[in-house]
Amino acid sequence: MTAPHAWADEVRALLAAALDRPAAVFAALPDSTPLFGPAINLDSFSGMALLAAIQARYGVDLAAEDLDLASLETIGTLTAFLAARG
């Protein structure tokens, strides 16, 4: 099982890849940072890229398993969602 801090690092790496930004940008953000807020600024296109990356890497269809997409509220909610399945 992956340690919680490792999942947080994984989520930040996925965000960096989906948004084509340096990983260091996300390293300093707290887990309470909204994914669709101004600090990260995830939009529908980058959100789909993130979901596709999660499915490709972990075999998790987040949209099918979390119908209201509550796991996409913050870095922490996404981390918790993936950790619970990992």
N, C-alpha and C. Protein backbone atom coordinates (compact mmCIF):
# COMPACT_ATOMS: atom_id res chain seq x y z
N MET A 1 0.84 -1.18 0.00
CA MET A 1 0.00 0.00 0.00
C MET A 1 0.88 1.24 0.00
N THR A 2 0.49 2.24 -0.76
CA THR A 2 1.25 3.47 -0.87
C THR A 2 0.97 4.37 0.32
N ALA A 3 2.02 4.98 0.86
CA ALA A 3 1.88 5.88 2.01
C ALA A 3 1.10 7.13 1.58
N PRO A 4 0.36 7.74 2.54
CA PRO A 4 -0.44 8.92 2.21
C PRO A 4 0.38 10.06 1.57
N HIS A 5 1.58 10.31 2.11
CA HIS A 5 2.38 11.40 1.53
C HIS A 5 2.80 11.07 0.09
N ALA A 6 2.98 9.79 -0.21
CA ALA A 6 3.32 9.39 -1.57
C ALA A 6 2.15 9.65 -2.51
N TRP A 7 0.93 9.41 -2.04
CA TRP A 7 -0.25 9.71 -2.86
C TRP A 7 -0.34 11.20 -3.13
N ALA A 8 -0.05 12.01 -2.13
CA ALA A 8 -0.08 13.46 -2.32
C ALA A 8 0.93 13.87 -3.39
N ASP A 9 2.11 13.27 -3.37
CA ASP A 9 3.12 13.56 -4.39
C ASP A 9 2.65 13.10 -5.76
N GLU A 10 2.00 11.95 -5.82
CA GLU A 10 1.48 11.43 -7.09
C GLU A 10 0.43 12.37 -7.67
N VAL A 11 -0.48 12.85 -6.82
CA VAL A 11 -1.53 13.76 -7.29
C VAL A 11 -0.91 15.04 -7.82
N ARG A 12 0.06 15.56 -7.12
CA ARG A 12 0.71 16.78 -7.58
C ARG A 12 1.45 16.55 -8.91
N ALA A 13 2.05 15.39 -9.08
CA ALA A 13 2.72 15.06 -10.35
C ALA A 13 1.71 14.93 -11.49
N LEU A 14 0.56 14.33 -11.21
CA LEU A 14 -0.49 14.22 -12.22
C LEU A 14 -1.01 15.60 -12.63
N LEU A 15 -1.19 16.47 -11.65
CA LEU A 15 -1.64 17.83 -11.94
C LEU A 15 -0.62 18.57 -12.79
N ALA A 16 0.65 18.45 -12.44
CA ALA A 16 1.72 19.12 -13.19
C ALA A 16 1.70 18.65 -14.65
N ALA A 17 1.53 17.35 -14.86
CA ALA A 17 1.50 16.81 -16.21
C ALA A 17 0.25 17.26 -16.97
N ALA A 18 -0.90 17.22 -16.31
CA ALA A 18 -2.16 17.61 -16.97
C ALA A 18 -2.17 19.08 -17.35
N LEU A 19 -1.53 19.90 -16.53
CA LEU A 19 -1.53 21.35 -16.77
C LEU A 19 -0.25 21.84 -17.43
N ASP A 20 0.68 20.91 -17.70
CA ASP A 20 1.94 21.25 -18.34
C ASP A 20 2.66 22.38 -17.60
N ARG A 21 2.78 22.19 -16.29
CA ARG A 21 3.49 23.15 -15.44
C ARG A 21 4.54 22.39 -14.63
N PRO A 22 5.55 23.10 -14.15
CA PRO A 22 6.57 22.44 -13.33
C PRO A 22 5.97 21.88 -12.04
N ALA A 23 6.44 20.72 -11.63
CA ALA A 23 5.94 20.09 -10.41
C ALA A 23 6.12 20.97 -9.19
N ALA A 24 7.16 21.79 -9.18
CA ALA A 24 7.43 22.68 -8.04
C ALA A 24 6.28 23.65 -7.78
N VAL A 25 5.53 23.98 -8.81
CA VAL A 25 4.38 24.88 -8.65
C VAL A 25 3.37 24.28 -7.68
N PHE A 26 3.21 22.96 -7.73
CA PHE A 26 2.19 22.29 -6.92
C PHE A 26 2.72 21.82 -5.58
N ALA A 27 4.02 21.70 -5.46
CA ALA A 27 4.63 21.16 -4.23
C ALA A 27 4.30 21.99 -3.00
N ALA A 28 4.20 23.30 -3.14
CA ALA A 28 3.97 24.18 -1.99
C ALA A 28 2.50 24.40 -1.68
N LEU A 29 1.62 23.91 -2.54
CA LEU A 29 0.19 24.13 -2.31
C LEU A 29 -0.34 23.20 -1.23
N PRO A 30 -1.16 23.72 -0.31
CA PRO A 30 -1.74 22.85 0.72
C PRO A 30 -2.79 21.91 0.13
N ASP A 31 -3.05 20.84 0.85
CA ASP A 31 -4.04 19.87 0.40
C ASP A 31 -5.44 20.48 0.26
N SER A 32 -5.70 21.58 0.92
CA SER A 32 -7.01 22.22 0.86
C SER A 32 -7.20 23.09 -0.38
N THR A 33 -6.21 23.15 -1.25
CA THR A 33 -6.29 23.98 -2.45
C THR A 33 -7.33 23.42 -3.43
N PRO A 34 -8.33 24.24 -3.81
CA PRO A 34 -9.34 23.78 -4.77
C PRO A 34 -8.71 23.52 -6.14
N LEU A 35 -9.10 22.40 -6.75
CA LEU A 35 -8.57 22.07 -8.08
C LEU A 35 -9.08 23.05 -9.14
N PHE A 36 -10.30 23.53 -8.99
CA PHE A 36 -10.87 24.43 -9.98
C PHE A 36 -10.79 25.89 -9.54
N GLY A 37 -10.02 26.18 -8.51
CA GLY A 37 -9.83 27.54 -8.02
C GLY A 37 -8.67 28.23 -8.73
N PRO A 38 -8.39 29.47 -8.36
CA PRO A 38 -7.37 30.26 -9.06
C PRO A 38 -5.93 29.75 -8.91
N ALA A 39 -5.61 29.05 -7.85
CA ALA A 39 -4.23 28.59 -7.66
C ALA A 39 -3.85 27.50 -8.66
N ILE A 40 -4.80 26.62 -8.98
CA ILE A 40 -4.53 25.53 -9.92
C ILE A 40 -5.18 25.81 -11.27
N ASN A 41 -6.39 26.33 -11.24
CA ASN A 41 -7.10 26.74 -12.45
C ASN A 41 -7.34 25.59 -13.42
N LEU A 42 -7.74 24.45 -12.89
CA LEU A 42 -8.13 23.32 -13.72
C LEU A 42 -9.38 23.73 -14.50
N ASP A 43 -9.44 23.43 -15.77
CA ASP A 43 -10.63 23.70 -16.57
C ASP A 43 -11.15 22.37 -17.14
N SER A 44 -12.16 22.43 -17.97
CA SER A 44 -12.75 21.18 -18.47
C SER A 44 -11.75 20.37 -19.29
N PHE A 45 -10.94 21.01 -20.10
CA PHE A 45 -9.96 20.30 -20.92
C PHE A 45 -8.88 19.66 -20.05
N SER A 46 -8.29 20.43 -19.16
CA SER A 46 -7.24 19.88 -18.30
C SER A 46 -7.82 18.89 -17.30
N GLY A 47 -9.07 19.09 -16.90
CA GLY A 47 -9.74 18.13 -16.03
C GLY A 47 -9.90 16.78 -16.71
N MET A 48 -10.26 16.79 -17.97
CA MET A 48 -10.38 15.53 -18.73
C MET A 48 -9.01 14.87 -18.89
N ALA A 49 -7.98 15.68 -19.11
CA ALA A 49 -6.62 15.13 -19.21
C ALA A 49 -6.21 14.48 -17.90
N LEU A 50 -6.57 15.10 -16.78
CA LEU A 50 -6.28 14.55 -15.46
C LEU A 50 -7.01 13.23 -15.26
N LEU A 51 -8.30 13.18 -15.59
CA LEU A 51 -9.08 11.95 -15.45
C LEU A 51 -8.52 10.83 -16.33
N ALA A 52 -8.10 11.17 -17.54
CA ALA A 52 -7.52 10.17 -18.44
C ALA A 52 -6.20 9.65 -17.89
N ALA A 53 -5.40 10.53 -17.32
CA ALA A 53 -4.11 10.12 -16.73
C ALA A 53 -4.33 9.20 -15.54
N ILE A 54 -5.32 9.51 -14.72
CA ILE A 54 -5.64 8.67 -13.55
C ILE A 54 -6.08 7.29 -14.02
N GLN A 55 -6.93 7.25 -15.04
CA GLN A 55 -7.41 5.96 -15.54
C GLN A 55 -6.26 5.16 -16.17
N ALA A 56 -5.42 5.83 -16.93
CA ALA A 56 -4.30 5.13 -17.58
C ALA A 56 -3.30 4.60 -16.56
N ARG A 57 -3.02 5.40 -15.54
CA ARG A 57 -1.98 5.02 -14.58
C ARG A 57 -2.46 4.04 -13.52
N TYR A 58 -3.70 4.23 -13.04
CA TYR A 58 -4.19 3.43 -11.92
C TYR A 58 -5.37 2.54 -12.26
N GLY A 59 -5.91 2.64 -13.47
CA GLY A 59 -7.06 1.84 -13.85
C GLY A 59 -8.34 2.26 -13.14
N VAL A 60 -8.37 3.49 -12.67
CA VAL A 60 -9.53 4.00 -11.93
C VAL A 60 -10.30 4.96 -12.84
N ASP A 61 -11.57 4.64 -13.10
CA ASP A 61 -12.44 5.53 -13.85
C ASP A 61 -13.15 6.42 -12.83
N LEU A 62 -12.50 7.51 -12.50
CA LEU A 62 -12.98 8.39 -11.44
C LEU A 62 -14.40 8.89 -11.73
N ALA A 63 -14.68 9.25 -12.96
CA ALA A 63 -16.01 9.76 -13.30
C ALA A 63 -17.10 8.72 -13.09
N ALA A 64 -16.79 7.46 -13.30
CA ALA A 64 -17.77 6.39 -13.11
C ALA A 64 -17.93 6.01 -11.64
N GLU A 65 -16.84 6.11 -10.88
CA GLU A 65 -16.87 5.70 -9.47
C GLU A 65 -17.32 6.82 -8.52
N ASP A 66 -17.15 8.06 -8.93
CA ASP A 66 -17.49 9.21 -8.09
C ASP A 66 -18.41 10.11 -8.90
N LEU A 67 -19.68 9.72 -8.98
CA LEU A 67 -20.62 10.36 -9.90
C LEU A 67 -20.77 11.87 -9.71
N ASP A 68 -20.67 12.35 -8.49
CA ASP A 68 -20.79 13.80 -8.30
C ASP A 68 -19.43 14.50 -8.33
N LEU A 69 -18.38 13.73 -8.56
CA LEU A 69 -17.01 14.23 -8.70
C LEU A 69 -16.53 15.03 -7.48
N ALA A 70 -17.04 14.66 -6.32
CA ALA A 70 -16.61 15.32 -5.07
C ALA A 70 -15.12 15.15 -4.83
N SER A 71 -14.54 14.09 -5.37
CA SER A 71 -13.11 13.85 -5.19
C SER A 71 -12.26 14.89 -5.91
N LEU A 72 -12.87 15.66 -6.80
CA LEU A 72 -12.13 16.68 -7.53
C LEU A 72 -12.26 18.07 -6.90
N GLU A 73 -12.69 18.14 -5.66
CA GLU A 73 -12.82 19.44 -5.01
C GLU A 73 -11.46 20.06 -4.70
N THR A 74 -10.58 19.29 -4.08
CA THR A 74 -9.28 19.81 -3.66
C THR A 74 -8.18 18.78 -3.93
N ILE A 75 -6.95 19.20 -3.74
CA ILE A 75 -5.84 18.26 -3.83
C ILE A 75 -6.05 17.14 -2.82
N GLY A 76 -6.48 17.49 -1.62
CA GLY A 76 -6.67 16.51 -0.55
C GLY A 76 -7.78 15.52 -0.83
N THR A 77 -8.88 15.97 -1.42
CA THR A 77 -9.98 15.03 -1.71
C THR A 77 -9.58 14.05 -2.80
N LEU A 78 -8.84 14.53 -3.78
CA LEU A 78 -8.37 13.62 -4.83
C LEU A 78 -7.35 12.64 -4.28
N THR A 79 -6.47 13.11 -3.42
CA THR A 79 -5.48 12.25 -2.78
C THR A 79 -6.18 11.16 -1.97
N ALA A 80 -7.17 11.54 -1.18
CA ALA A 80 -7.89 10.58 -0.35
C ALA A 80 -8.63 9.54 -1.20
N PHE A 81 -9.23 9.99 -2.27
CA PHE A 81 -9.96 9.09 -3.17
C PHE A 81 -9.02 8.04 -3.74
N LEU A 82 -7.89 8.47 -4.27
CA LEU A 82 -6.93 7.53 -4.87
C LEU A 82 -6.30 6.62 -3.82
N ALA A 83 -5.99 7.16 -2.67
CA ALA A 83 -5.40 6.36 -1.59
C ALA A 83 -6.36 5.26 -1.14
N ALA A 84 -7.65 5.55 -1.13
CA ALA A 84 -8.64 4.56 -0.71
C ALA A 84 -8.74 3.41 -1.71
N ARG A 85 -8.37 3.66 -2.96
CA ARG A 85 -8.44 2.62 -3.97
C ARG A 85 -7.10 1.96 -4.22
N GLY A 86 -6.03 2.54 -3.66
CA GLY A 86 -4.69 2.02 -3.93
C GLY A 86 -4.24 1.08 -2.90
